[in-house]
C-alpha atoms as a PDB file:
ATOM      1  CA  MET A   1     -13.960  58.532  51.424  1.00  0.00           C
ATOM      2  CA  ALA A   2     -12.834  57.652  54.659  1.00  0.00           C
ATOM      3  CA  THR A   3     -11.611  53.808  54.453  1.00  0.00           C
ATOM      4  CA  GLY A   4     -11.233  53.654  58.455  1.00  0.00           C
ATOM      5  CA  ALA A   5      -8.325  53.667  60.546  1.00  0.00           C
ATOM      6  CA  GLU A   6      -7.876  49.884  60.170  1.00  0.00           C
ATOM      7  CA  GLU A   7      -5.364  49.361  57.079  1.00  0.00           C
ATOM      8  CA  PRO A   8      -7.236  47.562  54.281  1.00  0.00           C
ATOM      9  CA  THR A   9      -6.814  44.072  54.631  1.00  0.00           C
ATOM     10  CA  LEU A  10      -9.558  42.243  52.641  1.00  0.00           C
ATOM     11  CA  THR A  11      -9.228  40.693  49.402  1.00  0.00           C
ATOM     12  CA  VAL A  12     -11.960  41.078  46.942  1.00  0.00           C
ATOM     13  CA  ASP A  13     -13.123  37.738  48.017  1.00  0.00           C
ATOM     14  CA  GLU A  14     -12.990  38.265  51.265  1.00  0.00           C
ATOM     15  CA  LEU A  15     -14.879  41.688  50.806  1.00  0.00           C
ATOM     16  CA  ALA A  16     -17.224  40.135  49.092  1.00  0.00           C
ATOM     17  CA  ALA A  17     -18.087  37.314  51.316  1.00  0.00           C
ATOM     18  CA  ARG A  18     -18.417  39.368  54.296  1.00  0.00           C
ATOM     19  CA  ALA A  19     -20.751  41.520  52.240  1.00  0.00           C
ATOM     20  CA  GLY A  20     -22.876  38.784  51.238  1.00  0.00           C
ATOM     21  CA  VAL A  21     -22.534  39.733  47.414  1.00  0.00           C
ATOM     22  CA  THR A  22     -20.468  38.573  44.606  1.00  0.00           C
ATOM     23  CA  VAL A  23     -17.009  39.480  43.290  1.00  0.00           C
ATOM     24  CA  ARG A  24     -18.489  40.517  40.269  1.00  0.00           C
ATOM     25  CA  THR A  25     -20.488  43.036  42.126  1.00  0.00           C
ATOM     26  CA  VAL A  26     -17.920  44.633  44.074  1.00  0.00           C
ATOM     27  CA  ARG A  27     -15.978  44.581  40.810  1.00  0.00           C
ATOM     28  CA  PHE A  28     -19.170  46.618  39.018  1.00  0.00           C
ATOM     29  CA  TYR A  29     -19.491  49.323  41.604  1.00  0.00           C
ATOM     30  CA  GLY A  30     -16.067  50.008  41.751  1.00  0.00           C
ATOM     31  CA  THR A  31     -16.107  50.666  37.956  1.00  0.00           C
ATOM     32  CA  ARG A  32     -19.375  52.581  38.621  1.00  0.00           C
ATOM     33  CA  GLY A  33     -17.752  54.641  40.957  1.00  0.00           C
ATOM     34  CA  LEU A  34     -19.943  53.804  43.724  1.00  0.00           C
ATOM     35  CA  LEU A  35     -16.507  52.079  45.316  1.00  0.00           C
ATOM     36  CA  PRO A  36     -13.199  53.707  45.451  1.00  0.00           C
ATOM     37  CA  PRO A  37     -10.478  51.413  44.315  1.00  0.00           C
ATOM     38  CA  PRO A  38      -8.442  49.228  46.509  1.00  0.00           C
ATOM     39  CA  ALA A  39      -5.052  49.792  48.051  1.00  0.00           C
ATOM     40  CA  ILE A  40      -2.662  48.246  45.853  1.00  0.00           C
ATOM     41  CA  GLY A  41      -0.300  45.624  48.097  1.00  0.00           C
ATOM     42  CA  PRO A  42       2.648  43.529  47.206  1.00  0.00           C
ATOM     43  CA  ARG A  43       1.884  41.489  43.427  1.00  0.00           C
ATOM     44  CA  ARG A  44      -0.408  43.947  42.481  1.00  0.00           C
ATOM     45  CA  VAL A  45      -3.456  42.694  44.967  1.00  0.00           C
ATOM     46  CA  GLY A  46      -6.236  44.940  45.994  1.00  0.00           C
ATOM     47  CA  HIS A  47      -6.953  45.247  49.429  1.00  0.00           C
ATOM     48  CA  TYR A  48     -10.371  46.531  51.159  1.00  0.00           C
ATOM     49  CA  GLY A  49     -10.749  48.171  54.324  1.00  0.00           C
ATOM     50  CA  PRO A  50     -13.710  48.383  56.822  1.00  0.00           C
ATOM     51  CA  GLY A  51     -14.825  51.860  54.766  1.00  0.00           C
ATOM     52  CA  HIS A  52     -15.013  49.578  51.691  1.00  0.00           C
ATOM     53  CA  LEU A  53     -17.204  47.025  53.542  1.00  0.00           C
ATOM     54  CA  SER A  54     -19.641  50.066  55.224  1.00  0.00           C
ATOM     55  CA  ARG A  55     -20.072  51.439  51.970  1.00  0.00           C
ATOM     56  CA  LEU A  56     -20.661  48.463  50.116  1.00  0.00           C
ATOM     57  CA  ALA A  57     -23.423  47.324  52.596  1.00  0.00           C
ATOM     58  CA  LEU A  58     -24.943  51.089  52.140  1.00  0.00           C
ATOM     59  CA  ILE A  59     -25.207  50.868  48.470  1.00  0.00           C
ATOM     60  CA  GLU A  60     -26.918  47.393  48.915  1.00  0.00           C
ATOM     61  CA  GLU A  61     -29.195  48.623  51.527  1.00  0.00           C
ATOM     62  CA  LEU A  62     -30.013  51.144  49.097  1.00  0.00           C
ATOM     63  CA  ARG A  63     -30.593  49.097  46.511  1.00  0.00           C
ATOM     64  CA  HIS A  64     -32.887  47.016  48.818  1.00  0.00           C
ATOM     65  CA  GLN A  65     -35.036  50.090  49.014  1.00  0.00           C
ATOM     66  CA  GLY A  66     -35.651  50.312  45.448  1.00  0.00           C
ATOM     67  CA  MET A  67     -33.096  52.924  44.373  1.00  0.00           C
ATOM     68  CA  THR A  68     -31.432  52.582  40.952  1.00  0.00           C
ATOM     69  CA  LEU A  69     -27.819  52.932  40.636  1.00  0.00           C
ATOM     70  CA  SER A  70     -27.988  56.547  38.962  1.00  0.00           C
ATOM     71  CA  ALA A  71     -30.077  57.500  42.187  1.00  0.00           C
ATOM     72  CA  ILE A  72     -27.553  55.699  44.441  1.00  0.00           C
ATOM     73  CA  GLU A  73     -24.677  57.971  42.864  1.00  0.00           C
ATOM     74  CA  ARG A  74     -26.595  61.285  43.787  1.00  0.00           C
ATOM     75  CA  TYR A  75     -27.360  60.154  47.497  1.00  0.00           C
ATOM     76  CA  LEU A  76     -23.440  59.070  47.766  1.00  0.00           C
ATOM     77  CA  GLU A  77     -22.406  62.119  46.381  1.00  0.00           C
ATOM     78  CA  GLN A  78     -24.427  63.587  49.004  1.00  0.00           C
ATOM     79  CA  LEU A  79     -22.189  62.509  51.937  1.00  0.00           C
ATOM     80  CA  PRO A  80     -19.515  63.759  53.342  1.00  0.00           C
ATOM     81  CA  PRO A  81     -16.299  62.781  52.029  1.00  0.00           C
ATOM     82  CA  ASP A  82     -14.464  62.076  55.122  1.00  0.00           C
ATOM     83  CA  LEU A  83     -17.056  59.863  56.796  1.00  0.00           C
ATOM     84  CA  SER A  84     -15.312  57.037  58.554  1.00  0.00           C
ATOM     85  CA  ALA A  85     -16.591  53.354  58.348  1.00  0.00           C
ATOM     86  CA  HIS A  86     -18.388  53.698  61.737  1.00  0.00           C
ATOM     87  CA  ASP A  87     -20.326  56.322  60.399  1.00  0.00           C
ATOM     88  CA  LEU A  88     -21.251  54.460  57.387  1.00  0.00           C
ATOM     89  CA  ALA A  89     -22.519  51.769  59.114  1.00  0.00           C
ATOM     90  CA  ILE A  90     -24.654  54.026  61.445  1.00  0.00           C
ATOM     91  CA  HIS A  91     -25.871  55.818  58.432  1.00  0.00           C
ATOM     92  CA  ARG A  92     -26.728  52.298  56.807  1.00  0.00           C
ATOM     93  CA  ALA A  93     -28.606  51.367  59.797  1.00  0.00           C
ATOM     94  CA  LEU A  94     -31.007  54.661  59.582  1.00  0.00           C
ATOM     95  CA  VAL A  95     -31.669  53.550  56.133  1.00  0.00           C
ATOM     96  CA  ALA A  96     -32.459  49.743  57.117  1.00  0.00           C
ATOM     97  CA  SER A  97     -34.733  50.900  59.820  1.00  0.00           C
ATOM     98  CA  TRP A  98     -37.166  52.162  57.910  1.00  0.00           C
ATOM     99  CA  ALA A  99     -36.907  49.340  55.532  1.00  0.00           C
ATOM    100  CA  PRO A 100     -38.936  46.176  55.539  1.00  0.00           C
ATOM    101  CA  ASP A 101     -37.937  43.400  57.852  1.00  0.00           C
ATOM    102  CA  SER A 102     -34.340  42.519  57.439  1.00  0.00           C
ATOM    103  CA  PHE A 103     -34.177  39.475  58.913  1.00  0.00           C
ATOM    104  CA  GLU A 104     -32.530  36.455  57.342  1.00  0.00           C
ATOM    105  CA  SER A 105     -32.482  32.911  58.699  1.00  0.00           C
ATOM    106  CA  MET A 106     -28.556  31.409  58.421  1.00  0.00           C
ATOM    107  CA  GLY A 107     -26.598  28.777  59.611  1.00  0.00           C
ATOM    108  CA  ARG A 108     -23.614  28.649  61.838  1.00  0.00           C
ATOM    109  CA  GLN A 109     -21.047  28.730  58.930  1.00  0.00           C
ATOM    110  CA  GLU A 110     -22.984  31.555  57.006  1.00  0.00           C
ATOM    111  CA  LEU A 111     -23.287  33.588  60.287  1.00  0.00           C
ATOM    112  CA  GLU A 112     -19.551  33.807  60.789  1.00  0.00           C
ATOM    113  CA  ARG A 113     -18.795  34.267  57.185  1.00  0.00           C
ATOM    114  CA  ARG A 114     -20.805  37.090  56.995  1.00  0.00           C
ATOM    115  CA  ALA A 115     -19.609  38.641  60.505  1.00  0.00           C
ATOM    116  CA  GLY A 116     -15.795  38.058  59.274  1.00  0.00           C
ATOM    117  CA  ARG A 117     -15.095  36.076  62.519  1.00  0.00           C
ATOM    118  CA  ALA A 118     -15.486  32.778  64.364  1.00  0.00           C
ATOM    119  CA  LEU A 119     -18.312  33.151  66.917  1.00  0.00           C
ATOM    120  CA  SER A 120     -17.967  31.603  70.225  1.00  0.00           C
ATOM    121  CA  GLU A 121     -21.421  30.435  72.213  1.00  0.00           C
ATOM    122  CA  PRO A 122     -20.934  33.752  74.369  1.00  0.00           C
ATOM    123  CA  ASP A 123     -20.160  35.758  71.449  1.00  0.00           C
ATOM    124  CA  LEU A 124     -23.663  34.630  69.983  1.00  0.00           C
ATOM    125  CA  ASP A 125     -25.121  35.321  73.443  1.00  0.00           C
ATOM    126  CA  ARG A 126     -23.791  38.722  73.388  1.00  0.00           C
ATOM    127  CA  LEU A 127     -25.053  39.314  69.923  1.00  0.00           C
ATOM    128  CA  ALA A 128     -28.991  38.442  71.338  1.00  0.00           C
ATOM    129  CA  ALA A 129     -28.310  40.087  74.064  1.00  0.00           C
ATOM    130  CA  MET A 130     -27.659  43.290  71.715  1.00  0.00           C
ATOM    131  CA  GLY A 131     -30.784  42.034  69.363  1.00  0.00           C
ATOM    132  CA  VAL A 132     -28.597  41.040  66.401  1.00  0.00           C
ATOM    133  CA  LEU A 133     -30.149  38.096  66.107  1.00  0.00           C
ATOM    134  CA  GLU A 134     -32.215  35.422  67.924  1.00  0.00           C
ATOM    135  CA  ARG A 135     -31.030  31.994  69.085  1.00  0.00           C
ATOM    136  CA  PRO A 136     -32.468  28.596  67.047  1.00  0.00           C
ATOM    137  CA  GLY A 137     -34.826  26.769  68.910  1.00  0.00           C
ATOM    138  CA  ALA A 138     -34.636  22.733  69.391  1.00  0.00           C
ATOM    139  CA  ALA A 139     -36.070  22.019  66.030  1.00  0.00           C
ATOM    140  CA  ASP A 140     -34.282  24.554  64.215  1.00  0.00           C
ATOM    141  CA  GLY A 141     -30.371  24.907  63.943  1.00  0.00           C
ATOM    142  CA  ASP A 142     -30.620  28.364  62.069  1.00  0.00           C
ATOM    143  CA  HIS A 143     -30.364  32.045  63.691  1.00  0.00           C
ATOM    144  CA  ARG A 144     -32.802  34.624  62.857  1.00  0.00           C
ATOM    145  CA  VAL A 145     -30.235  37.655  62.070  1.00  0.00           C
ATOM    146  CA  ASP A 146     -30.698  41.101  61.450  1.00  0.00           C
ATOM    147  CA  VAL A 147     -28.117  41.479  58.712  1.00  0.00           C
ATOM    148  CA  GLY A 148     -28.269  45.342  58.794  1.00  0.00           C
ATOM    149  CA  LEU A 149     -27.065  45.222  62.848  1.00  0.00           C
ATOM    150  CA  LEU A 150     -24.589  42.350  62.376  1.00  0.00           C
ATOM    151  CA  ARG A 151     -21.442  44.192  61.341  1.00  0.00           C
ATOM    152  CA  LEU A 152     -21.848  47.054  64.065  1.00  0.00           C
ATOM    153  CA  GLY A 153     -22.645  43.709  66.550  1.00  0.00           C
ATOM    154  CA  ALA A 154     -19.402  42.228  65.729  1.00  0.00           C
ATOM    155  CA  GLU A 155     -17.577  44.651  66.143  1.00  0.00           C
ATOM    156  CA  LEU A 156     -18.637  45.152  69.962  1.00  0.00           C
ATOM    157  CA  LEU A 157     -17.912  42.086  70.388  1.00  0.00           C
ATOM    158  CA  ASP A 158     -14.367  43.189  71.108  1.00  0.00           C
ATOM    159  CA  VAL A 159     -15.748  45.971  73.693  1.00  0.00           C
ATOM    160  CA  PRO A 160     -14.949  44.828  77.381  1.00  0.00           C
ATOM    161  CA  ILE A 161     -18.689  45.330  78.186  1.00  0.00           C
ATOM    162  CA  ALA A 162     -20.473  42.780  80.339  1.00  0.00           C
ATOM    163  CA  HIS A 163     -23.235  40.826  79.373  1.00  0.00           C
ATOM    164  CA  GLU A 164     -25.712  41.690  82.144  1.00  0.00           C
ATOM    165  CA  THR A 165     -24.559  45.398  81.062  1.00  0.00           C
ATOM    166  CA  ILE A 166     -25.718  45.120  77.384  1.00  0.00           C
ATOM    167  CA  LEU A 167     -28.887  43.634  78.527  1.00  0.00           C
ATOM    168  CA  ALA A 168     -29.409  46.579  80.838  1.00  0.00           C
ATOM    169  CA  ALA A 169     -28.543  48.810  78.517  1.00  0.00           C
ATOM    170  CA  ARG A 170     -30.898  47.598  75.693  1.00  0.00           C
ATOM    171  CA  THR A 171     -33.614  47.750  78.537  1.00  0.00           C
ATOM    172  CA  VAL A 172     -32.922  51.274  78.877  1.00  0.00           C
ATOM    173  CA  LEU A 173     -33.142  52.202  75.318  1.00  0.00           C
ATOM    174  CA  LEU A 174     -36.171  49.946  74.466  1.00  0.00           C
ATOM    175  CA  GLU A 175     -37.860  51.775  77.317  1.00  0.00           C
ATOM    176  CA  HIS A 176     -37.199  55.441  76.193  1.00  0.00           C
ATOM    177  CA  THR A 177     -37.187  54.968  72.786  1.00  0.00           C
ATOM    178  CA  ARG A 178     -40.682  53.533  72.927  1.00  0.00           C
ATOM    179  CA  SER A 179     -41.732  56.300  75.297  1.00  0.00           C
ATOM    180  CA  ALA A 180     -40.389  59.006  72.457  1.00  0.00           C
ATOM    181  CA  ALA A 181     -42.160  56.962  69.587  1.00  0.00           C
ATOM    182  CA  HIS A 182     -45.612  57.270  71.764  1.00  0.00           C
ATOM    183  CA  GLU A 183     -45.397  60.967  72.411  1.00  0.00           C
ATOM    184  CA  LEU A 184     -44.426  61.780  68.567  1.00  0.00           C
ATOM    185  CA  THR A 185     -47.219  59.423  67.362  1.00  0.00           C
ATOM    186  CA  ARG A 186     -49.588  61.063  69.507  1.00  0.00           C
ATOM    187  CA  LEU A 187     -48.300  64.811  68.415  1.00  0.00           C
ATOM    188  CA  PHE A 188     -48.825  63.878  64.927  1.00  0.00           C
ATOM    189  CA  ARG A 189     -52.117  62.362  65.498  1.00  0.00           C
ATOM    190  CA  ASP A 190     -53.318  65.361  67.406  1.00  0.00           C
ATOM    191  CA  GLU A 191     -51.367  68.124  65.292  1.00  0.00           C
ATOM    192  CA  VAL A 192     -50.849  66.686  61.852  1.00  0.00           C
ATOM    193  CA  TRP A 193     -53.209  63.777  61.178  1.00  0.00           C
ATOM    194  CA  ASN A 194     -56.608  65.593  62.916  1.00  0.00           C
ATOM    195  CA  PRO A 195     -56.363  68.807  61.403  1.00  0.00           C
ATOM    196  CA  TYR A 196     -55.695  66.752  58.145  1.00  0.00           C
ATOM    197  CA  ARG A 197     -58.610  64.802  57.997  1.00  0.00           C
ATOM    198  CA  GLU A 198     -60.818  68.056  58.306  1.00  0.00           C
ATOM    199  CA  ARG A 199     -59.177  69.728  55.605  1.00  0.00           C
ATOM    200  CA  GLU A 200     -58.723  66.061  52.856  1.00  0.00           C
ATOM    201  CA  GLU A 201     -60.873  67.976  50.685  1.00  0.00           C
ATOM    202  CA  ASP A 202     -57.818  70.373  49.801  1.00  0.00           C
ATOM    203  CA  PRO A 203     -55.710  69.128  47.061  1.00  0.00           C
ATOM    204  CA  GLU A 204     -52.458  70.857  48.039  1.00  0.00           C
ATOM    205  CA  HIS A 205     -53.050  69.930  51.422  1.00  0.00           C
ATOM    206  CA  VAL A 206     -53.554  66.346  50.611  1.00  0.00           C
ATOM    207  CA  LYS A 207     -50.404  66.120  48.459  1.00  0.00           C
ATOM    208  CA  ALA A 208     -48.211  67.624  51.401  1.00  0.00           C
ATOM    209  CA  MET A 209     -49.498  65.287  53.761  1.00  0.00           C
ATOM    210  CA  LYS A 210     -48.948  62.422  51.270  1.00  0.00           C
ATOM    211  CA  SER A 211     -45.273  63.885  50.924  1.00  0.00           C
ATOM    212  CA  LEU A 212     -44.884  64.285  55.027  1.00  0.00           C
ATOM    213  CA  SER A 213     -46.053  60.658  55.110  1.00  0.00           C
ATOM    214  CA  ALA A 214     -43.572  58.997  53.119  1.00  0.00           C
ATOM    215  CA  HIS A 215     -40.490  61.213  54.595  1.00  0.00           C
ATOM    216  CA  MET A 216     -41.661  61.533  58.248  1.00  0.00           C
ATOM    217  CA  GLN A 217     -39.697  58.438  59.715  1.00  0.00           C
ATOM    218  CA  PRO A 218     -36.612  58.787  58.074  1.00  0.00           C
ATOM    219  CA  MET A 219     -36.699  62.358  59.255  1.00  0.00           C
ATOM    220  CA  VAL A 220     -37.729  61.437  62.510  1.00  0.00           C
ATOM    221  CA  LEU A 221     -35.137  58.820  62.941  1.00  0.00           C
ATOM    222  CA  GLN A 222     -32.185  61.279  61.960  1.00  0.00           C
ATOM    223  CA  ALA A 223     -33.578  63.890  64.491  1.00  0.00           C
ATOM    224  CA  LEU A 224     -33.645  61.410  67.229  1.00  0.00           C
ATOM    225  CA  VAL A 225     -29.897  59.905  66.321  1.00  0.00           C
ATOM    226  CA  THR A 226     -28.541  63.582  66.214  1.00  0.00           C
ATOM    227  CA  ALA A 227     -29.973  64.362  69.489  1.00  0.00           C
ATOM    228  CA  PHE A 228     -29.291  61.215  71.206  1.00  0.00           C
ATOM    229  CA  GLN A 229     -25.743  61.742  69.815  1.00  0.00           C
ATOM    230  CA  ARG A 230     -25.217  64.941  71.188  1.00  0.00           C
ATOM    231  CA  SER A 231     -26.958  64.363  74.400  1.00  0.00           C
ATOM    232  CA  LEU A 232     -24.444  61.405  74.961  1.00  0.00           C
ATOM    233  CA  LYS A 233     -21.220  63.163  74.344  1.00  0.00           C
ATOM    234  CA  GLN A 234     -22.679  66.001  76.714  1.00  0.00           C
ATOM    235  CA  GLU A 235     -23.313  63.446  79.736  1.00  0.00           C
ATOM    236  CA  LEU A 236     -20.137  61.413  78.753  1.00  0.00           C
ATOM    237  CA  ARG A 237     -18.146  64.633  78.736  1.00  0.00           C
ATOM    238  CA  ALA A 238     -19.510  65.832  82.086  1.00  0.00           C
ATOM    239  CA  ALA A 239     -19.441  62.127  83.977  1.00  0.00           C
ATOM    240  CA  PHE A 240     -15.509  61.881  83.182  1.00  0.00           C
ATOM    241  CA  THR A 241     -14.333  65.450  83.178  1.00  0.00           C
ATOM    242  CA  ALA A 242     -15.970  66.439  86.705  1.00  0.00           C
ATOM    243  CA  GLU A 243     -13.384  64.640  88.741  1.00  0.00           C
END
């Protein structure tokens, strides 16, 4: 499993703090083979990298989904062995996107601990613009944080993109994803659901519909992400190689 291009620099305590789990949990996952062993540095101290953190977050999300450890082992075995930390983070975000509400309330200190860095007021504004968190109101000192997006958002803080550009990009994404969701829902309703209602006494058809309903959202999300990645790559290639 790829652990990312960055050198492993996190101790087991720092890794556990960034992931929001205990050191005992990290070590347990290691003994089960769910996490690869750390790099051993001076004085035999183990160091973990971004790949460990992303993989640990994915494991925790799968457990949140109700999967057993054996099922998680099988799930992870099916992933490509060379996935980068960023790829794992995206994969985790996809898993979390059809989970129940992943928002947690946390104070500034806990937020910075989970983000793995100090956060300035402009940083918090950028995270809010990306939809990673909601700033607290006057009577509430806690931030409402989407823990599934926090690590990706923290990484993007170092990308030189203006606050206004982030807001504009989010507006574009929301408008187009809502339109896609509307059209896909209409298609499912007209071409699948309505014909199903006409044949709901057919046991085999009912079974097939239940299976489709259970798997439709993750399948559609994966298809959308794949299509978007390919389209974005083509557009960027055309935009920056035309001149």
